[in-house]
């Protein structure tokens, strides 16, 4: 498997979201139906965030707690903190997650994002910088980082991710000094910051939001055998699934009862 391919979440205002992620953070942007897609210069797999506009959107029932974004070096951390400050956007202090410098900020929907330095990272590589961006190509966001989610039934989600999609449960850590749970780390493909999903059990039940299913985590693979194995496992276990054709690439999609969707896409090399 290649790693995280894309993340989909909601927004109450696509205009404001575009102003932040394209106009301020410097990501490339394209329309995708009634949504916007942000990513690197070529909107490559592994760099894409999708936002779907929902009237009166709130994220109180979200599974996705934090979406990671990667910059090439530690200097990029300082660059983006400066950019946010110039635009009067509050951000957190620089911290360290498993040896990688990072800090957080929120959009107008109170969705939290972490920007990580890729300087000491291995595994899933970065994408391509956009030279027409307002942000220096040496420091631009060029890839997804770890995505942190909470789920109702951790054992069920773990079984789906490992037995069906082939992810590896390989580590855990305490997310903060006062945390009541350990964050469980699942590795995708080559791993590293661009190939990790961090999960914990939600302390409160996550209910299906009124706007319906929206949140998606998509993985990518170039292995036909891995893709076929996923379909065979779904058939064997009896989990309902859908097959999709996205720009000539085949995908398989399943949705947990509480409303988060996982997608595996067979990428064309």
Protein backbone atom coordinates (compact mmCIF):
# COMPACT_ATOMS: atom_id res chain seq x y z
CA UNK A 1 0.00 0.00 0.00
CA UNK A 2 1.10 3.55 -0.70
CA UNK A 3 -0.32 5.38 2.30
CA UNK A 4 -2.99 7.94 3.05
CA UNK A 5 -4.52 9.07 -0.24
CA UNK A 6 -7.13 11.64 0.79
CA UNK A 7 -9.28 12.89 3.67
CA UNK A 8 -12.81 14.27 3.38
CA UNK A 9 -14.53 16.45 5.95
CA UNK A 10 -17.11 19.24 6.06
CA UNK A 11 -17.27 23.01 6.12
CA UNK A 12 -19.99 25.57 6.69
CA UNK A 13 -18.54 27.92 4.07
CA UNK A 14 -16.47 26.87 1.04
CA UNK A 15 -15.49 30.48 0.34
CA UNK A 16 -13.87 30.83 3.76
CA UNK A 17 -12.26 27.39 3.45
CA UNK A 18 -10.79 28.30 0.05
CA UNK A 19 -9.48 31.59 1.44
CA UNK A 20 -7.67 29.74 4.23
CA UNK A 21 -6.27 26.70 2.46
CA UNK A 22 -5.49 28.26 -0.90
CA UNK A 23 -5.13 31.98 -0.23
CA UNK A 24 -3.26 31.71 3.09
CA UNK A 25 -1.77 28.21 3.36
CA UNK A 26 -0.88 28.11 -0.35
CA UNK A 27 -2.37 24.76 -1.39
CA UNK A 28 -3.50 24.11 -4.95
CA UNK A 29 -7.29 23.92 -5.33
CA UNK A 30 -9.82 22.42 -7.75
CA UNK A 31 -13.58 22.02 -7.83
CA UNK A 32 -14.89 18.52 -7.19
CA UNK A 33 -18.64 18.57 -7.71
CA UNK A 34 -20.19 20.43 -4.77
CA UNK A 35 -16.86 20.31 -2.92
CA UNK A 36 -13.32 21.64 -3.10
CA UNK A 37 -10.15 19.57 -3.34
CA UNK A 38 -6.85 20.93 -1.99
CA UNK A 39 -3.41 19.43 -2.42
CA UNK A 40 0.06 19.84 -3.88
CA UNK A 41 0.90 21.35 -7.29
CA UNK A 42 -0.62 18.39 -9.16
CA UNK A 43 -3.22 17.39 -6.55
CA UNK A 44 -1.37 14.11 -6.20
CA UNK A 45 -2.53 11.14 -4.17
CA UNK A 46 -1.33 11.52 -0.61
CA UNK A 47 -1.76 15.30 -0.57
CA UNK A 48 -5.52 15.78 -0.96
CA UNK A 49 -8.05 17.20 1.46
CA UNK A 50 -11.68 17.41 0.34
CA UNK A 51 -14.21 19.79 1.91
CA UNK A 52 -17.95 19.40 1.37
CA UNK A 53 -20.16 22.38 2.21
CA UNK A 54 -23.02 21.65 4.60
CA UNK A 55 -25.40 24.42 5.74
CA UNK A 56 -25.10 25.06 9.50
CA UNK A 57 -22.32 22.48 9.65
CA UNK A 58 -20.93 21.60 13.08
CA UNK A 59 -18.30 18.97 13.81
CA UNK A 60 -19.38 17.93 17.32
CA UNK A 61 -20.13 14.40 16.09
CA UNK A 62 -17.01 14.10 13.95
CA UNK A 63 -14.77 11.05 14.01
CA UNK A 64 -11.85 13.02 12.58
CA UNK A 65 -10.20 14.92 15.43
CA UNK A 66 -7.04 16.09 13.69
CA UNK A 67 -5.82 16.18 10.09
CA UNK A 68 -2.06 16.24 9.65
CA UNK A 69 -0.29 18.27 6.96
CA UNK A 70 3.43 17.97 6.20
CA UNK A 71 6.07 20.55 5.30
CA UNK A 72 9.61 19.63 4.17
CA UNK A 73 11.60 20.89 7.16
CA UNK A 74 11.60 22.42 10.63
CA UNK A 75 11.92 25.84 8.99
CA UNK A 76 8.50 25.27 7.44
CA UNK A 77 6.99 25.08 10.91
CA UNK A 78 8.24 28.58 11.69
CA UNK A 79 7.20 29.82 8.24
CA UNK A 80 3.60 28.71 8.67
CA UNK A 81 3.35 30.02 12.21
CA UNK A 82 4.44 33.39 10.86
CA UNK A 83 1.91 33.18 8.00
CA UNK A 84 -0.94 32.41 10.41
CA UNK A 85 0.08 35.21 12.75
CA UNK A 86 0.13 37.71 9.86
CA UNK A 87 -3.45 36.68 9.09
CA UNK A 88 -4.59 36.88 12.74
CA UNK A 89 -5.15 33.13 12.98
CA UNK A 90 -4.41 31.59 16.37
CA UNK A 91 -2.07 28.61 16.49
CA UNK A 92 -0.51 26.38 19.10
CA UNK A 93 3.09 26.28 20.26
CA UNK A 94 5.65 24.02 18.57
CA UNK A 95 5.62 20.59 20.16
CA UNK A 96 7.02 17.16 19.35
CA UNK A 97 5.14 14.04 18.29
CA UNK A 98 7.25 10.90 18.18
CA UNK A 99 10.35 12.88 17.15
CA UNK A 100 8.67 15.24 14.68
CA UNK A 101 8.13 18.95 15.28
CA UNK A 102 4.53 20.10 14.86
CA UNK A 103 1.93 22.66 15.90
CA UNK A 104 -1.84 22.96 15.55
CA UNK A 105 -4.46 25.45 14.40
CA UNK A 106 -8.19 25.39 13.69
CA UNK A 107 -10.36 26.50 10.79
CA UNK A 108 -13.68 28.36 11.16
CA UNK A 109 -15.44 25.05 11.83
CA UNK A 110 -13.21 24.31 14.85
CA UNK A 111 -11.62 21.45 12.91
CA UNK A 112 -8.08 20.94 14.20
CA UNK A 113 -5.09 20.55 11.88
CA UNK A 114 -1.48 19.76 12.74
CA UNK A 115 1.40 20.91 10.57
CA UNK A 116 4.34 18.49 10.85
CA UNK A 117 7.96 18.83 9.83
CA UNK A 118 8.99 16.04 7.46
CA UNK A 119 12.70 16.68 8.14
CA UNK A 120 13.29 13.47 10.12
CA UNK A 121 10.57 11.39 8.50
CA UNK A 122 10.82 8.25 6.37
CA UNK A 123 8.22 6.30 4.45
CA UNK A 124 5.51 7.87 2.30
CA UNK A 125 7.14 10.78 0.40
CA UNK A 126 5.97 14.36 -0.05
CA UNK A 127 4.29 15.67 -3.18
CA UNK A 128 5.29 18.55 -5.44
CA UNK A 129 5.50 22.27 -4.52
CA UNK A 130 3.51 24.80 -6.54
CA UNK A 131 5.73 27.63 -7.76
CA UNK A 132 2.77 29.97 -8.31
CA UNK A 133 1.77 29.61 -4.64
CA UNK A 134 2.00 32.54 -2.22
CA UNK A 135 4.11 30.31 0.08
CA UNK A 136 7.82 29.66 -0.55
CA UNK A 137 8.16 26.32 -2.43
CA UNK A 138 10.84 25.27 0.09
CA UNK A 139 8.31 25.40 2.91
CA UNK A 140 4.95 24.57 1.35
CA UNK A 141 2.53 21.96 2.65
CA UNK A 142 3.13 19.00 0.34
CA UNK A 143 1.42 16.02 1.92
CA UNK A 144 -0.99 14.56 4.40
CA UNK A 145 0.34 13.64 7.81
CA UNK A 146 -1.17 11.37 10.44
CA UNK A 147 -4.95 11.55 10.69
CA UNK A 148 -6.31 11.17 14.22
CA UNK A 149 -9.78 9.74 14.66
CA UNK A 150 -12.07 8.45 17.39
CA UNK A 151 -14.48 5.55 16.93
CA UNK A 152 -17.33 3.92 18.85
CA UNK A 153 -16.04 0.36 18.71
CA UNK A 154 -12.25 0.29 18.62
CA UNK A 155 -12.04 -3.52 18.39
CA UNK A 156 -14.32 -3.55 15.35
CA UNK A 157 -12.44 -0.73 13.61
CA UNK A 158 -9.12 -2.41 14.34
CA UNK A 159 -10.39 -5.67 12.85
CA UNK A 160 -11.58 -3.91 9.70
CA UNK A 161 -8.35 -1.99 9.22
CA UNK A 162 -6.01 -4.92 9.83
CA UNK A 163 -7.89 -7.94 8.50
CA UNK A 164 -9.70 -6.28 5.60
CA UNK A 165 -7.51 -3.38 4.50
CA UNK A 166 -4.17 -4.83 5.57
CA UNK A 167 -2.99 -2.03 7.88
CA UNK A 168 -0.50 -2.87 10.62
CA UNK A 169 -1.20 -2.01 14.27
CA UNK A 170 2.33 -1.29 15.37
CA UNK A 171 2.50 1.32 18.15
CA UNK A 172 0.71 3.30 20.83
CA UNK A 173 1.41 6.48 22.79
CA UNK A 174 -0.15 8.82 25.34
CA UNK A 175 -1.50 11.86 23.49
CA UNK A 176 -1.12 14.25 26.44
CA UNK A 177 -0.24 14.30 30.12
CA UNK A 178 -3.91 14.24 31.20
CA UNK A 179 -5.19 11.88 28.50
CA UNK A 180 -7.48 9.07 29.66
CA UNK A 181 -6.55 6.80 26.76
CA UNK A 182 -3.62 5.71 24.63
CA UNK A 183 -3.61 6.56 20.94
CA UNK A 184 -3.23 3.44 18.78
CA UNK A 185 -1.13 3.81 15.62
CA UNK A 186 -1.87 1.92 12.42
CA UNK A 187 0.67 1.92 9.61
CA UNK A 188 -0.33 2.09 5.95
CA UNK A 189 2.07 1.01 3.23
CA UNK A 190 5.54 2.46 3.81
CA UNK A 191 4.34 4.19 6.96
CA UNK A 192 5.92 7.35 8.30
CA UNK A 193 3.92 10.51 8.85
CA UNK A 194 2.16 10.14 5.50
CA UNK A 195 1.14 6.57 6.19
CA UNK A 196 -0.32 6.58 9.70
CA UNK A 197 -3.81 6.53 11.15
CA UNK A 198 -4.01 7.27 14.91
CA UNK A 199 -7.15 5.96 16.63
CA UNK A 200 -8.77 5.85 20.05
CA UNK A 201 -12.16 4.81 21.40
CA UNK A 202 -14.55 7.73 21.81
CA UNK A 203 -15.55 8.39 25.44
CA UNK A 204 -19.04 9.38 24.23
CA UNK A 205 -21.14 7.70 21.56
CA UNK A 206 -20.67 9.20 18.11
CA UNK A 207 -24.08 9.47 16.50
CA UNK A 208 -24.88 9.72 12.82
CA UNK A 209 -25.04 13.46 12.03
CA UNK A 210 -28.18 14.99 10.56
CA UNK A 211 -26.39 15.76 7.30
CA UNK A 212 -25.57 12.07 6.84
CA UNK A 213 -22.33 10.34 5.93
CA UNK A 214 -19.56 12.78 5.10
CA UNK A 215 -16.19 11.88 6.67
CA UNK A 216 -13.90 9.70 4.56
CA UNK A 217 -10.42 8.29 4.97
CA UNK A 218 -8.96 6.95 1.72
CA UNK A 219 -5.94 4.65 1.36
CA UNK A 220 -4.07 3.97 -1.86
CA UNK A 221 -2.36 0.83 -3.14
CA UNK A 222 -0.66 -0.23 -6.36
CA UNK A 223 -0.99 -3.91 -5.42
CA UNK A 224 -3.72 -5.71 -7.34
CA UNK A 225 -3.40 -8.68 -4.98
CA UNK A 226 -3.94 -6.44 -1.94
CA UNK A 227 -6.99 -4.88 -3.56
CA UNK A 228 -8.42 -8.29 -4.44
CA UNK A 229 -7.69 -9.57 -0.93
CA UNK A 230 -9.76 -6.71 0.50
CA UNK A 231 -12.75 -7.63 -1.67
CA UNK A 232 -12.41 -11.31 -0.75
CA UNK A 233 -12.27 -10.48 2.96
CA UNK A 234 -15.37 -8.28 2.70
CA UNK A 235 -17.22 -11.08 0.91
CA UNK A 236 -16.04 -13.66 3.45
CA UNK A 237 -16.98 -11.62 6.52
CA UNK A 238 -20.19 -10.34 4.98
CA UNK A 239 -19.53 -6.61 5.38
CA UNK A 240 -21.57 -4.50 2.94
CA UNK A 241 -19.38 -2.56 0.50
CA UNK A 242 -19.49 -0.56 -2.70
CA UNK A 243 -17.16 -0.58 -5.68
CA UNK A 244 -16.40 2.70 -7.43
CA UNK A 245 -14.64 3.90 -10.57
CA UNK A 246 -12.76 7.14 -9.91
CA UNK A 247 -11.07 8.53 -13.01
CA UNK A 248 -10.29 5.02 -14.21
CA UNK A 249 -9.07 3.84 -10.79
CA UNK A 250 -11.03 1.16 -8.94
CA UNK A 251 -12.05 1.68 -5.33
CA UNK A 252 -13.86 -0.27 -2.64
CA UNK A 253 -15.74 1.60 0.08
CA UNK A 254 -17.25 0.61 3.41
CA UNK A 255 -19.01 2.75 6.02
CA UNK A 256 -19.17 2.15 9.75
CA UNK A 257 -22.61 2.46 11.37
CA UNK A 258 -21.70 5.71 13.11
CA UNK A 259 -20.90 7.34 9.78
CA UNK A 260 -17.20 7.25 8.87
CA UNK A 261 -16.19 5.79 5.53
CA UNK A 262 -12.97 3.96 4.64
CA UNK A 263 -11.93 3.64 0.99
CA UNK A 264 -9.17 1.61 -0.65
CA UNK A 265 -8.21 2.69 -4.17
CA UNK A 266 -6.13 0.68 -6.62
CA UNK A 267 -3.85 3.33 -8.07
CA UNK A 268 -2.60 3.29 -11.64
CA UNK A 269 1.20 3.45 -11.65
